[in-house]
PDB file of N, CA and C in Angstrom:
ATOM      1  N   UNK A   1       0.833  -1.170   0.000  1.00  0.00           N
ATOM      2  CA  UNK A   1       0.000   0.000   0.000  1.00  0.00           C
ATOM      3  C   UNK A   1       0.888   1.246   0.000  1.00  0.00           C
ATOM      4  N   UNK A   2       0.512   2.205  -0.824  1.00  0.00           N
ATOM      5  CA  UNK A   2       1.299   3.425  -0.961  1.00  0.00           C
ATOM      6  C   UNK A   2       0.816   4.468   0.042  1.00  0.00           C
ATOM      7  N   UNK A   3       1.757   5.060   0.757  1.00  0.00           N
ATOM      8  CA  UNK A   3       1.409   6.085   1.739  1.00  0.00           C
ATOM      9  C   UNK A   3       1.204   7.418   1.047  1.00  0.00           C
ATOM     10  N   UNK A   4       0.185   8.134   1.482  1.00  0.00           N
ATOM     11  CA  UNK A   4      -0.066   9.470   0.957  1.00  0.00           C
ATOM     12  C   UNK A   4       0.782  10.463   1.739  1.00  0.00           C
ATOM     13  N   UNK A   5       1.309  11.433   1.029  1.00  0.00           N
ATOM     14  CA  UNK A   5       2.101  12.450   1.733  1.00  0.00           C
ATOM     15  C   UNK A   5       1.148  13.558   2.166  1.00  0.00           C
ATOM     16  N   UNK A   6       0.765  13.471   3.398  1.00  0.00           N
ATOM     17  CA  UNK A   6      -0.145  14.448   3.972  1.00  0.00           C
ATOM     18  C   UNK A   6       0.614  15.290   4.983  1.00  0.00           C
ATOM     19  N   UNK A   7       0.235  16.545   5.116  1.00  0.00           N
ATOM     20  CA  UNK A   7       0.925  17.372   6.111  1.00  0.00           C
ATOM     21  C   UNK A   7       0.626  16.873   7.522  1.00  0.00           C
ATOM     22  N   UNK A   8       1.655  16.839   8.323  1.00  0.00           N
ATOM     23  CA  UNK A   8       1.499  16.383   9.692  1.00  0.00           C
ATOM     24  C   UNK A   8       1.018  17.518  10.578  1.00  0.00           C
ATOM     25  N   UNK A   9       1.553  18.700  10.333  1.00  0.00           N
ATOM     26  CA  UNK A   9       1.230  19.849  11.164  1.00  0.00           C
ATOM     27  C   UNK A   9       0.903  21.021  10.240  1.00  0.00           C
ATOM     28  N   UNK A  10      -0.344  21.464  10.253  1.00  0.00           N
ATOM     29  CA  UNK A  10      -0.728  22.598   9.429  1.00  0.00           C
ATOM     30  C   UNK A  10      -0.315  23.890  10.113  1.00  0.00           C
ATOM     31  N   UNK A  11       0.365  24.746   9.387  1.00  0.00           N
ATOM     32  CA  UNK A  11       0.758  26.045   9.915  1.00  0.00           C
ATOM     33  C   UNK A  11      -0.276  27.063   9.462  1.00  0.00           C
ATOM     34  N   UNK A  12      -1.176  27.430  10.362  1.00  0.00           N
ATOM     35  CA  UNK A  12      -2.274  28.320  10.004  1.00  0.00           C
ATOM     36  C   UNK A  12      -1.806  29.724   9.652  1.00  0.00           C
ATOM     37  N   UNK A  13      -0.596  30.088  10.079  1.00  0.00           N
ATOM     38  CA  UNK A  13      -0.103  31.427   9.783  1.00  0.00           C
ATOM     39  C   UNK A  13       0.331  31.564   8.330  1.00  0.00           C
ATOM     40  N   UNK A  14       0.612  30.463   7.667  1.00  0.00           N
ATOM     41  CA  UNK A  14       1.026  30.535   6.269  1.00  0.00           C
ATOM     42  C   UNK A  14      -0.140  30.313   5.315  1.00  0.00           C
ATOM     43  N   UNK A  15      -1.282  29.892   5.825  1.00  0.00           N
ATOM     44  CA  UNK A  15      -2.440  29.643   4.982  1.00  0.00           C
ATOM     45  C   UNK A  15      -3.186  30.955   4.723  1.00  0.00           C
ATOM     46  N   UNK A  16      -3.686  31.103   3.516  1.00  0.00           N
ATOM     47  CA  UNK A  16      -4.502  32.271   3.179  1.00  0.00           C
ATOM     48  C   UNK A  16      -5.967  31.840   3.154  1.00  0.00           C
ATOM     49  N   UNK A  17      -6.745  32.451   4.023  1.00  0.00           N
ATOM     50  CA  UNK A  17      -8.165  32.145   4.085  1.00  0.00           C
ATOM     51  C   UNK A  17      -8.917  33.043   3.106  1.00  0.00           C
ATOM     52  N   UNK A  18      -9.938  32.514   2.441  1.00  0.00           N
ATOM     53  CA  UNK A  18     -10.769  33.390   1.600  1.00  0.00           C
ATOM     54  C   UNK A  18     -11.584  34.350   2.461  1.00  0.00           C
ATOM     55  N   UNK A  19     -12.051  35.410   1.836  1.00  0.00           N
ATOM     56  CA  UNK A  19     -12.799  36.442   2.550  1.00  0.00           C
ATOM     57  C   UNK A  19     -14.042  35.841   3.207  1.00  0.00           C
ATOM     58  N   UNK A  20     -14.672  34.887   2.544  1.00  0.00           N
ATOM     59  CA  UNK A  20     -15.879  34.284   3.105  1.00  0.00           C
ATOM     60  C   UNK A  20     -15.570  33.492   4.380  1.00  0.00           C
ATOM     61  N   UNK A  21     -14.398  32.857   4.421  1.00  0.00           N
ATOM     62  CA  UNK A  21     -14.010  32.124   5.633  1.00  0.00           C
ATOM     63  C   UNK A  21     -13.729  33.096   6.776  1.00  0.00           C
ATOM     64  N   UNK A  22     -13.063  34.198   6.470  1.00  0.00           N
ATOM     65  CA  UNK A  22     -12.784  35.208   7.495  1.00  0.00           C
ATOM     66  C   UNK A  22     -14.096  35.782   8.024  1.00  0.00           C
ATOM     67  N   UNK A  23     -15.056  36.032   7.104  1.00  0.00           N
ATOM     68  CA  UNK A  23     -16.362  36.562   7.523  1.00  0.00           C
ATOM     69  C   UNK A  23     -17.072  35.570   8.434  1.00  0.00           C
ATOM     70  N   UNK A  24     -16.997  34.295   8.118  1.00  0.00           N
ATOM     71  CA  UNK A  24     -17.652  33.281   8.937  1.00  0.00           C
ATOM     72  C   UNK A  24     -17.007  33.165  10.316  1.00  0.00           C
ATOM     73  N   UNK A  25     -15.684  33.176  10.352  1.00  0.00           N
ATOM     74  CA  UNK A  25     -14.965  33.087  11.630  1.00  0.00           C
ATOM     75  C   UNK A  25     -15.264  34.310  12.492  1.00  0.00           C
ATOM     76  N   UNK A  26     -15.257  35.499  11.878  1.00  0.00           N
ATOM     77  CA  UNK A  26     -15.554  36.719  12.633  1.00  0.00           C
ATOM     78  C   UNK A  26     -16.991  36.728  13.134  1.00  0.00           C
ATOM     79  N   UNK A  27     -17.903  36.166  12.348  1.00  0.00           N
ATOM     80  CA  UNK A  27     -19.298  36.100  12.793  1.00  0.00           C
ATOM     81  C   UNK A  27     -19.408  35.243  14.061  1.00  0.00           C
ATOM     82  N   UNK A  28     -18.699  34.147  14.092  1.00  0.00           N
ATOM     83  CA  UNK A  28     -18.719  33.288  15.280  1.00  0.00           C
ATOM     84  C   UNK A  28     -18.051  33.975  16.470  1.00  0.00           C
ATOM     85  N   UNK A  29     -16.914  34.645  16.220  1.00  0.00           N
ATOM     86  CA  UNK A  29     -16.211  35.327  17.306  1.00  0.00           C
ATOM     87  C   UNK A  29     -17.048  36.461  17.892  1.00  0.00           C
ATOM     88  N   UNK A  30     -17.706  37.232  17.024  1.00  0.00           N
ATOM     89  CA  UNK A  30     -18.516  38.331  17.533  1.00  0.00           C
ATOM     90  C   UNK A  30     -19.748  37.820  18.262  1.00  0.00           C
ATOM     91  N   UNK A  31     -20.210  36.626  17.922  1.00  0.00           N
ATOM     92  CA  UNK A  31     -21.305  36.013  18.681  1.00  0.00           C
ATOM     93  C   UNK A  31     -20.877  35.704  20.100  1.00  0.00           C
ATOM     94  N   UNK A  32     -19.669  35.182  20.256  1.00  0.00           N
ATOM     95  CA  UNK A  32     -19.142  34.887  21.595  1.00  0.00           C
ATOM     96  C   UNK A  32     -18.921  36.184  22.368  1.00  0.00           C
ATOM     97  N   UNK A  33     -18.359  37.189  21.700  1.00  0.00           N
ATOM     98  CA  UNK A  33     -18.124  38.478  22.353  1.00  0.00           C
ATOM     99  C   UNK A  33     -19.451  39.085  22.810  1.00  0.00           C
ATOM    100  N   UNK A  34     -20.461  39.006  21.962  1.00  0.00           N
ATOM    101  CA  UNK A  34     -21.779  39.539  22.310  1.00  0.00           C
ATOM    102  C   UNK A  34     -22.378  38.792  23.495  1.00  0.00           C
ATOM    103  N   UNK A  35     -22.195  37.474  23.521  1.00  0.00           N
ATOM    104  CA  UNK A  35     -22.701  36.672  24.636  1.00  0.00           C
ATOM    105  C   UNK A  35     -22.051  37.098  25.948  1.00  0.00           C
ATOM    106  N   UNK A  36     -20.743  37.297  25.956  1.00  0.00           N
ATOM    107  CA  UNK A  36     -20.032  37.736  27.160  1.00  0.00           C
ATOM    108  C   UNK A  36     -20.440  39.166  27.518  1.00  0.00           C
ATOM    109  N   UNK A  37     -20.616  40.000  26.494  1.00  0.00           N
ATOM    110  CA  UNK A  37     -20.963  41.399  26.725  1.00  0.00           C
ATOM    111  C   UNK A  37     -22.333  41.546  27.372  1.00  0.00           C
ATOM    112  N   UNK A  38     -23.221  40.610  27.100  1.00  0.00           N
ATOM    113  CA  UNK A  38     -24.548  40.668  27.725  1.00  0.00           C
ATOM    114  C   UNK A  38     -24.407  40.640  29.246  1.00  0.00           C
ATOM    115  N   UNK A  39     -23.489  39.829  29.755  1.00  0.00           N
ATOM    116  CA  UNK A  39     -23.258  39.786  31.201  1.00  0.00           C
ATOM    117  C   UNK A  39     -22.761  41.109  31.739  1.00  0.00           C
ATOM    118  N   UNK A  40     -21.835  41.726  31.037  1.00  0.00           N
ATOM    119  CA  UNK A  40     -21.299  43.023  31.473  1.00  0.00           C
ATOM    120  C   UNK A  40     -22.394  44.079  31.443  1.00  0.00           C
ATOM    121  N   UNK A  41     -23.146  44.127  30.368  1.00  0.00           N
ATOM    122  CA  UNK A  41     -24.194  45.143  30.240  1.00  0.00           C
ATOM    123  C   UNK A  41     -25.324  44.932  31.247  1.00  0.00           C
ATOM    124  N   UNK A  42     -25.672  43.675  31.512  1.00  0.00           N
ATOM    125  CA  UNK A  42     -26.702  43.410  32.523  1.00  0.00           C
ATOM    126  C   UNK A  42     -26.226  43.802  33.916  1.00  0.00           C
ATOM    127  N   UNK A  43     -24.940  43.585  34.208  1.00  0.00           N
ATOM    128  CA  UNK A  43     -24.402  43.995  35.500  1.00  0.00           C
ATOM    129  C   UNK A  43     -24.456  45.514  35.631  1.00  0.00           C
ATOM    130  N   UNK A  44     -24.045  46.223  34.568  1.00  0.00           N
ATOM    131  CA  UNK A  44     -24.100  47.687  34.614  1.00  0.00           C
ATOM    132  C   UNK A  44     -25.535  48.182  34.793  1.00  0.00           C
ATOM    133  N   UNK A  45     -26.479  47.554  34.094  1.00  0.00           N
ATOM    134  CA  UNK A  45     -27.883  47.939  34.234  1.00  0.00           C
ATOM    135  C   UNK A  45     -28.387  47.665  35.641  1.00  0.00           C
ATOM    136  N   UNK A  46     -28.029  46.513  36.203  1.00  0.00           N
ATOM    137  CA  UNK A  46     -28.475  46.154  37.543  1.00  0.00           C
ATOM    138  C   UNK A  46     -27.956  47.136  38.586  1.00  0.00           C
ATOM    139  N   UNK A  47     -26.683  47.463  38.477  1.00  0.00           N
ATOM    140  CA  UNK A  47     -26.099  48.400  39.443  1.00  0.00           C
ATOM    141  C   UNK A  47     -26.717  49.783  39.281  1.00  0.00           C
ATOM    142  N   UNK A  48     -26.923  50.209  38.042  1.00  0.00           N
ATOM    143  CA  UNK A  48     -27.456  51.556  37.830  1.00  0.00           C
ATOM    144  C   UNK A  48     -28.901  51.683  38.298  1.00  0.00           C
ATOM    145  N   UNK A  49     -29.655  50.592  38.294  1.00  0.00           N
ATOM    146  CA  UNK A  49     -31.050  50.639  38.733  1.00  0.00           C
ATOM    147  C   UNK A  49     -31.225  50.326  40.212  1.00  0.00           C
ATOM    148  N   UNK A  50     -30.150  49.931  40.883  1.00  0.00           N
ATOM    149  CA  UNK A  50     -30.264  49.534  42.288  1.00  0.00           C
ATOM    150  C   UNK A  50     -30.526  50.708  43.219  1.00  0.00           C
ATOM    151  N   UNK A  51     -29.896  51.842  42.942  1.00  0.00           N
ATOM    152  CA  UNK A  51     -30.057  53.008  43.819  1.00  0.00           C
ATOM    153  C   UNK A  51     -29.488  54.232  43.095  1.00  0.00           C
ATOM    154  N   UNK A  52     -29.746  55.415  43.623  1.00  0.00           N
ATOM    155  CA  UNK A  52     -29.124  56.611  43.027  1.00  0.00           C
ATOM    156  C   UNK A  52     -27.592  56.565  43.100  1.00  0.00           C
ATOM    157  N   UNK A  53     -27.065  55.981  44.180  1.00  0.00           N
ATOM    158  CA  UNK A  53     -25.609  55.852  44.294  1.00  0.00           C
ATOM    159  C   UNK A  53     -25.067  54.894  43.232  1.00  0.00           C
ATOM    160  N   UNK A  54     -25.820  53.830  42.968  1.00  0.00           N
ATOM    161  CA  UNK A  54     -25.417  52.882  41.927  1.00  0.00           C
ATOM    162  C   UNK A  54     -25.414  53.533  40.557  1.00  0.00           C
ATOM    163  N   UNK A  55     -26.403  54.393  40.315  1.00  0.00           N
ATOM    164  CA  UNK A  55     -26.445  55.113  39.044  1.00  0.00           C
ATOM    165  C   UNK A  55     -25.247  56.043  38.904  1.00  0.00           C
ATOM    166  N   UNK A  56     -24.902  56.727  39.986  1.00  0.00           N
ATOM    167  CA  UNK A  56     -23.731  57.614  39.966  1.00  0.00           C
ATOM    168  C   UNK A  56     -22.447  56.815  39.744  1.00  0.00           C
ATOM    169  N   UNK A  57     -22.379  55.636  40.340  1.00  0.00           N
ATOM    170  CA  UNK A  57     -21.207  54.772  40.176  1.00  0.00           C
ATOM    171  C   UNK A  57     -21.044  54.362  38.715  1.00  0.00           C
ATOM    172  N   UNK A  58     -22.144  53.909  38.099  1.00  0.00           N
ATOM    173  CA  UNK A  58     -22.079  53.485  36.696  1.00  0.00           C
ATOM    174  C   UNK A  58     -21.804  54.679  35.794  1.00  0.00           C
ATOM    175  N   UNK A  59     -22.374  55.826  36.107  1.00  0.00           N
ATOM    176  CA  UNK A  59     -22.099  57.033  35.319  1.00  0.00           C
ATOM    177  C   UNK A  59     -20.630  57.405  35.399  1.00  0.00           C
ATOM    178  N   UNK A  60     -20.046  57.242  36.581  1.00  0.00           N
ATOM    179  CA  UNK A  60     -18.618  57.525  36.733  1.00  0.00           C
ATOM    180  C   UNK A  60     -17.750  56.551  35.961  1.00  0.00           C
ATOM    181  N   UNK A  61     -18.123  55.277  35.995  1.00  0.00           N
ATOM    182  CA  UNK A  61     -17.365  54.264  35.252  1.00  0.00           C
ATOM    183  C   UNK A  61     -17.458  54.525  33.750  1.00  0.00           C
ATOM    184  N   UNK A  62     -18.661  54.851  33.281  1.00  0.00           N
ATOM    185  CA  UNK A  62     -18.881  55.038  31.849  1.00  0.00           C
ATOM    186  C   UNK A  62     -18.132  56.238  31.298  1.00  0.00           C
ATOM    187  N   UNK A  63     -17.693  57.130  32.162  1.00  0.00           N
ATOM    188  CA  UNK A  63     -16.963  58.303  31.705  1.00  0.00           C
ATOM    189  C   UNK A  63     -15.491  58.063  31.442  1.00  0.00           C
ATOM    190  N   UNK A  64     -14.954  56.941  31.907  1.00  0.00           N
ATOM    191  CA  UNK A  64     -13.527  56.652  31.717  1.00  0.00           C
ATOM    192  C   UNK A  64     -13.247  56.178  30.298  1.00  0.00           C
ATOM    193  N   UNK A  65     -12.039  56.474  29.827  1.00  0.00           N
ATOM    194  CA  UNK A  65     -11.644  56.108  28.467  1.00  0.00           C
ATOM    195  C   UNK A  65     -11.701  54.599  28.248  1.00  0.00           C
ATOM    196  N   UNK A  66     -11.213  53.830  29.221  1.00  0.00           N
ATOM    197  CA  UNK A  66     -11.168  52.375  29.068  1.00  0.00           C
ATOM    198  C   UNK A  66     -12.574  51.796  28.915  1.00  0.00           C
ATOM    199  N   UNK A  67     -13.524  52.296  29.693  1.00  0.00           N
ATOM    200  CA  UNK A  67     -14.896  51.799  29.603  1.00  0.00           C
ATOM    201  C   UNK A  67     -15.537  52.222  28.295  1.00  0.00           C
ATOM    202  N   UNK A  68     -15.243  53.439  27.841  1.00  0.00           N
ATOM    203  CA  UNK A  68     -15.757  53.868  26.544  1.00  0.00           C
ATOM    204  C   UNK A  68     -15.217  52.974  25.431  1.00  0.00           C
ATOM    205  N   UNK A  69     -13.952  52.597  25.555  1.00  0.00           N
ATOM    206  CA  UNK A  69     -13.341  51.713  24.562  1.00  0.00           C
ATOM    207  C   UNK A  69     -14.013  50.338  24.580  1.00  0.00           C
ATOM    208  N   UNK A  70     -14.303  49.819  25.772  1.00  0.00           N
ATOM    209  CA  UNK A  70     -14.989  48.524  25.882  1.00  0.00           C
ATOM    210  C   UNK A  70     -16.398  48.617  25.291  1.00  0.00           C
ATOM    211  N   UNK A  71     -17.121  49.676  25.599  1.00  0.00           N
ATOM    212  CA  UNK A  71     -18.466  49.844  25.046  1.00  0.00           C
ATOM    213  C   UNK A  71     -18.429  49.971  23.526  1.00  0.00           C
ATOM    214  N   UNK A  72     -17.429  50.697  23.007  1.00  0.00           N
ATOM    215  CA  UNK A  72     -17.272  50.809  21.556  1.00  0.00           C
ATOM    216  C   UNK A  72     -16.981  49.438  20.944  1.00  0.00           C
ATOM    217  N   UNK A  73     -16.147  48.650  21.598  1.00  0.00           N
ATOM    218  CA  UNK A  73     -15.863  47.303  21.102  1.00  0.00           C
ATOM    219  C   UNK A  73     -17.092  46.412  21.117  1.00  0.00           C
ATOM    220  N   UNK A  74     -17.885  46.518  22.174  1.00  0.00           N
ATOM    221  CA  UNK A  74     -19.122  45.732  22.258  1.00  0.00           C
ATOM    222  C   UNK A  74     -20.070  46.133  21.129  1.00  0.00           C
ATOM    223  N   UNK A  75     -20.230  47.427  20.909  1.00  0.00           N
ATOM    224  CA  UNK A  75     -21.122  47.892  19.846  1.00  0.00           C
ATOM    225  C   UNK A  75     -20.611  47.485  18.464  1.00  0.00           C
ATOM    226  N   UNK A  76     -19.301  47.503  18.272  1.00  0.00           N
ATOM    227  CA  UNK A  76     -18.730  47.077  16.995  1.00  0.00           C
ATOM    228  C   UNK A  76     -18.958  45.586  16.769  1.00  0.00           C
ATOM    229  N   UNK A  77     -18.721  44.779  17.799  1.00  0.00           N
ATOM    230  CA  UNK A  77     -18.950  43.334  17.673  1.00  0.00           C
ATOM    231  C   UNK A  77     -20.422  43.046  17.416  1.00  0.00           C
ATOM    232  N   UNK A  78     -21.298  43.734  18.123  1.00  0.00           N
ATOM    233  CA  UNK A  78     -22.729  43.535  17.932  1.00  0.00           C
ATOM    234  C   UNK A  78     -23.158  43.942  16.522  1.00  0.00           C
ATOM    235  N   UNK A  79     -22.626  45.054  16.033  1.00  0.00           N
ATOM    236  CA  UNK A  79     -23.010  45.493  14.688  1.00  0.00           C
ATOM    237  C   UNK A  79     -22.529  44.507  13.633  1.00  0.00           C
ATOM    238  N   UNK A  80     -21.311  43.983  13.765  1.00  0.00           N
ATOM    239  CA  UNK A  80     -20.849  42.995  12.788  1.00  0.00           C
ATOM    240  C   UNK A  80     -21.686  41.722  12.869  1.00  0.00           C
ATOM    241  N   UNK A  81     -22.019  41.309  14.075  1.00  0.00           N
ATOM    242  CA  UNK A  81     -22.797  40.087  14.226  1.00  0.00           C
ATOM    243  C   UNK A  81     -24.194  40.256  13.607  1.00  0.00           C
ATOM    244  N   UNK A  82     -24.785  41.414  13.766  1.00  0.00           N
ATOM    245  CA  UNK A  82     -26.099  41.661  13.165  1.00  0.00           C
ATOM    246  C   UNK A  82     -25.987  41.714  11.644  1.00  0.00           C
ATOM    247  N   UNK A  83     -24.996  42.441  11.123  1.00  0.00           N
ATOM    248  CA  UNK A  83     -24.818  42.528   9.668  1.00  0.00           C
ATOM    249  C   UNK A  83     -24.520  41.147   9.087  1.00  0.00           C
ATOM    250  N   UNK A  84     -23.642  40.387   9.753  1.00  0.00           N
ATOM    251  CA  UNK A  84     -23.349  39.031   9.293  1.00  0.00           C
ATOM    252  C   UNK A  84     -24.556  38.122   9.380  1.00  0.00           C
ATOM    253  N   UNK A  85     -25.364  38.294  10.402  1.00  0.00           N
ATOM    254  CA  UNK A  85     -26.582  37.500  10.536  1.00  0.00           C
ATOM    255  C   UNK A  85     -27.578  37.797   9.434  1.00  0.00           C
ATOM    256  N   UNK A  86     -27.730  39.069   9.086  1.00  0.00           N
ATOM    257  CA  UNK A  86     -28.608  39.437   7.978  1.00  0.00           C
ATOM    258  C   UNK A  86     -28.071  38.846   6.671  1.00  0.00           C
ATOM    259  N   UNK A  87     -26.751  38.893   6.497  1.00  0.00           N
ATOM    260  CA  UNK A  87     -26.130  38.291   5.313  1.00  0.00           C
ATOM    261  C   UNK A  87     -26.449  36.800   5.238  1.00  0.00           C
ATOM    262  N   UNK A  88     -26.335  36.110   6.358  1.00  0.00           N
ATOM    263  CA  UNK A  88     -26.626  34.672   6.379  1.00  0.00           C
ATOM    264  C   UNK A  88     -28.111  34.395   6.134  1.00  0.00           C
ATOM    265  N   UNK A  89     -28.993  35.229   6.666  1.00  0.00           N
ATOM    266  CA  UNK A  89     -30.418  35.048   6.422  1.00  0.00           C
ATOM    267  C   UNK A  89     -30.750  35.205   4.938  1.00  0.00           C
ATOM    268  N   UNK A  90     -30.132  36.190   4.300  1.00  0.00           N
ATOM    269  CA  UNK A  90     -30.349  36.379   2.862  1.00  0.00           C
ATOM    270  C   UNK A  90     -29.822  35.177   2.086  1.00  0.00           C
ATOM    271  N   UNK A  91     -28.685  34.653   2.507  1.00  0.00           N
ATOM    272  CA  UNK A  91     -28.141  33.469   1.839  1.00  0.00           C
ATOM    273  C   UNK A  91     -29.030  32.250   2.085  1.00  0.00           C
ATOM    274  N   UNK A  92     -29.653  32.167   3.249  1.00  0.00           N
ATOM    275  CA  UNK A  92     -30.575  31.059   3.531  1.00  0.00           C
ATOM    276  C   UNK A  92     -31.808  31.107   2.638  1.00  0.00           C
ATOM    277  N   UNK A  93     -32.147  32.305   2.167  1.00  0.00           N
ATOM    278  CA  UNK A  93     -33.272  32.439   1.246  1.00  0.00           C
ATOM    279  C   UNK A  93     -32.902  32.048  -0.184  1.00  0.00           C
ATOM    280  N   UNK A  94     -31.622  31.761  -0.415  1.00  0.00           N
ATOM    281  CA  UNK A  94     -31.187  31.296  -1.728  1.00  0.00           C
ATOM    282  C   UNK A  94     -30.520  32.351  -2.584  1.00  0.00           C
ATOM    283  N   UNK A  95     -30.246  33.515  -2.026  1.00  0.00           N
ATOM    284  CA  UNK A  95     -29.597  34.584  -2.784  1.00  0.00           C
ATOM    285  C   UNK A  95     -28.122  34.676  -2.412  1.00  0.00           C
ATOM    286  N   UNK A  96     -27.296  35.045  -3.369  1.00  0.00           N
ATOM    287  CA  UNK A  96     -25.868  35.308  -3.156  1.00  0.00           C
ATOM    288  C   UNK A  96     -25.124  34.116  -2.564  1.00  0.00           C
ATOM    289  N   UNK A  97     -25.445  32.940  -3.002  1.00  0.00           N
ATOM    290  CA  UNK A  97     -24.795  31.738  -2.494  1.00  0.00           C
ATOM    291  C   UNK A  97     -23.565  31.341  -3.296  1.00  0.00           C
ATOM    292  N   UNK A  98     -23.395  31.903  -4.472  1.00  0.00           N
ATOM    293  CA  UNK A  98     -22.244  31.559  -5.296  1.00  0.00           C
ATOM    294  C   UNK A  98     -20.977  32.160  -4.698  1.00  0.00           C
ATOM    295  N   UNK A  99     -19.850  31.630  -5.120  1.00  0.00           N
ATOM    296  CA  UNK A  99     -18.569  32.060  -4.543  1.00  0.00           C
ATOM    297  C   UNK A  99     -18.315  33.545  -4.766  1.00  0.00           C
ATOM    298  N   UNK A 100     -18.532  34.021  -5.989  1.00  0.00           N
ATOM    299  CA  UNK A 100     -18.238  35.416  -6.285  1.00  0.00           C
ATOM    300  C   UNK A 100     -19.189  36.362  -5.545  1.00  0.00           C
ATOM    301  N   UNK A 101     -20.474  36.053  -5.564  1.00  0.00           N
ATOM    302  CA  UNK A 101     -21.433  36.924  -4.869  1.00  0.00           C
ATOM    303  C   UNK A 101     -21.285  36.812  -3.351  1.00  0.00           C
ATOM    304  N   UNK A 102     -20.904  35.636  -2.859  1.00  0.00           N
ATOM    305  CA  UNK A 102     -20.645  35.484  -1.425  1.00  0.00           C
ATOM    306  C   UNK A 102     -19.459  36.322  -0.979  1.00  0.00           C
ATOM    307  N   UNK A 103     -18.443  36.372  -1.838  1.00  0.00           N
ATOM    308  CA  UNK A 103     -17.276  37.211  -1.542  1.00  0.00           C
ATOM    309  C   UNK A 103     -17.672  38.680  -1.512  1.00  0.00           C
ATOM    310  N   UNK A 104     -18.501  39.092  -2.465  1.00  0.00           N
ATOM    311  CA  UNK A 104     -18.943  40.489  -2.505  1.00  0.00           C
ATOM    312  C   UNK A 104     -19.775  40.851  -1.279  1.00  0.00           C
ATOM    313  N   UNK A 105     -20.682  39.959  -0.874  1.00  0.00           N
ATOM    314  CA  UNK A 105     -21.500  40.270   0.301  1.00  0.00           C
ATOM    315  C   UNK A 105     -20.662  40.303   1.576  1.00  0.00           C
ATOM    316  N   UNK A 106     -19.604  39.484   1.633  1.00  0.00           N
ATOM    317  CA  UNK A 106     -18.714  39.534   2.795  1.00  0.00           C
ATOM    318  C   UNK A 106     -17.999  40.887   2.851  1.00  0.00           C
ATOM    319  N   UNK A 107     -17.553  41.372   1.696  1.00  0.00           N
ATOM    320  CA  UNK A 107     -16.895  42.685   1.650  1.00  0.00           C
ATOM    321  C   UNK A 107     -17.871  43.801   1.999  1.00  0.00           C
ATOM    322  N   UNK A 108     -19.111  43.670   1.539  1.00  0.00           N
ATOM    323  CA  UNK A 108     -20.135  44.664   1.885  1.00  0.00           C
ATOM    324  C   UNK A 108     -20.401  44.642   3.393  1.00  0.00           C
ATOM    325  N   UNK A 109     -20.432  43.448   3.979  1.00  0.00           N
ATOM    326  CA  UNK A 109     -20.641  43.335   5.430  1.00  0.00           C
ATOM    327  C   UNK A 109     -19.492  43.993   6.192  1.00  0.00           C
ATOM    328  N   UNK A 110     -18.255  43.819   5.716  1.00  0.00           N
ATOM    329  CA  UNK A 110     -17.116  44.476   6.360  1.00  0.00           C
ATOM    330  C   UNK A 110     -17.245  45.991   6.259  1.00  0.00           C
ATOM    331  N   UNK A 111     -17.629  46.484   5.070  1.00  0.00           N
ATOM    332  CA  UNK A 111     -17.788  47.926   4.886  1.00  0.00           C
ATOM    333  C   UNK A 111     -18.890  48.498   5.752  1.00  0.00           C
ATOM    334  N   UNK A 112     -20.017  47.791   5.830  1.00  0.00           N
ATOM    335  CA  UNK A 112     -21.122  48.253   6.671  1.00  0.00           C
ATOM    336  C   UNK A 112     -20.701  48.282   8.137  1.00  0.00           C
ATOM    337  N   UNK A 113     -19.904  47.309   8.538  1.00  0.00           N
ATOM    338  CA  UNK A 113     -19.452  47.265   9.927  1.00  0.00           C
ATOM    339  C   UNK A 113     -18.497  48.411  10.235  1.00  0.00           C
ATOM    340  N   UNK A 114     -17.630  48.749   9.291  1.00  0.00           N
ATOM    341  CA  UNK A 114     -16.733  49.894   9.496  1.00  0.00           C
ATOM    342  C   UNK A 114     -17.554  51.162   9.684  1.00  0.00           C
ATOM    343  N   UNK A 115     -18.572  51.346   8.842  1.00  0.00           N
ATOM    344  CA  UNK A 115     -19.442  52.525   8.976  1.00  0.00           C
ATOM    345  C   UNK A 115     -20.146  52.540  10.329  1.00  0.00           C
ATOM    346  N   UNK A 116     -20.728  51.410  10.717  1.00  0.00           N
ATOM    347  CA  UNK A 116     -21.436  51.328  11.995  1.00  0.00           C
ATOM    348  C   UNK A 116     -20.478  51.497  13.180  1.00  0.00           C
ATOM    349  N   UNK A 117     -19.261  50.999  13.026  1.00  0.00           N
ATOM    350  CA  UNK A 117     -18.270  51.159  14.085  1.00  0.00           C
ATOM    351  C   UNK A 117     -17.883  52.617  14.271  1.00  0.00           C
ATOM    352  N   UNK A 118     -17.706  53.326  13.154  1.00  0.00           N
ATOM    353  CA  UNK A 118     -17.416  54.750  13.253  1.00  0.00           C
ATOM    354  C   UNK A 118     -18.577  55.515  13.877  1.00  0.00           C
ATOM    355  N   UNK A 119     -19.784  55.141  13.503  1.00  0.00           N
ATOM    356  CA  UNK A 119     -20.968  55.762  14.082  1.00  0.00           C
ATOM    357  C   UNK A 119     -21.046  55.491  15.590  1.00  0.00           C
ATOM    358  N   UNK A 120     -20.746  54.253  15.972  1.00  0.00           N
ATOM    359  CA  UNK A 120     -20.745  53.908  17.407  1.00  0.00           C
ATOM    360  C   UNK A 120     -19.669  54.691  18.150  1.00  0.00           C
ATOM    361  N   UNK A 121     -18.513  54.865  17.526  1.00  0.00           N
ATOM    362  CA  UNK A 121     -17.449  55.648  18.152  1.00  0.00           C
ATOM    363  C   UNK A 121     -17.852  57.092  18.382  1.00  0.00           C
ATOM    364  N   UNK A 122     -18.574  57.672  17.402  1.00  0.00           N
ATOM    365  CA  UNK A 122     -19.062  59.037  17.559  1.00  0.00           C
ATOM    366  C   UNK A 122     -20.082  59.107  18.697  1.00  0.00           C
ATOM    367  N   UNK A 123     -20.943  58.121  18.781  1.00  0.00           N
ATOM    368  CA  UNK A 123     -21.971  58.136  19.826  1.00  0.00           C
ATOM    369  C   UNK A 123     -21.402  57.887  21.219  1.00  0.00           C
ATOM    370  N   UNK A 124     -20.391  57.032  21.318  1.00  0.00           N
ATOM    371  CA  UNK A 124     -19.801  56.715  22.634  1.00  0.00           C
ATOM    372  C   UNK A 124     -18.974  57.887  23.134  1.00  0.00           C
ATOM    373  N   UNK A 125     -18.220  58.513  22.236  1.00  0.00           N
ATOM    374  CA  UNK A 125     -17.400  59.632  22.669  1.00  0.00           C
ATOM    375  C   UNK A 125     -18.160  60.892  22.414  1.00  0.00           C
TER     376      UNK A 125
END
């Protein structure tokens, strides 16, 4: 029997992923980020509604640069996840399933996310 020469160890840093694969991976990552962010946002909401002092505490935290950066990141992840989800729903309806059109919709999703991210940055700061 002839042995096939298969790679033993794939080096992911040398592989080039297509745009559609990157879009899919980012959609999954932003889903996880959004899931974790729900806990942070619910905690902030709980503390802010607990008492007037809690509201002042959350208002003080929200004014710091680091917290603004985290909120901007959460909004960016959420916007990409929503845009990617809409893209997937449209593909589930049977549109833009071909390789070329799928690549174009992935690029459009990236562009829409950049726009929404800039908008979120303006709103947070």
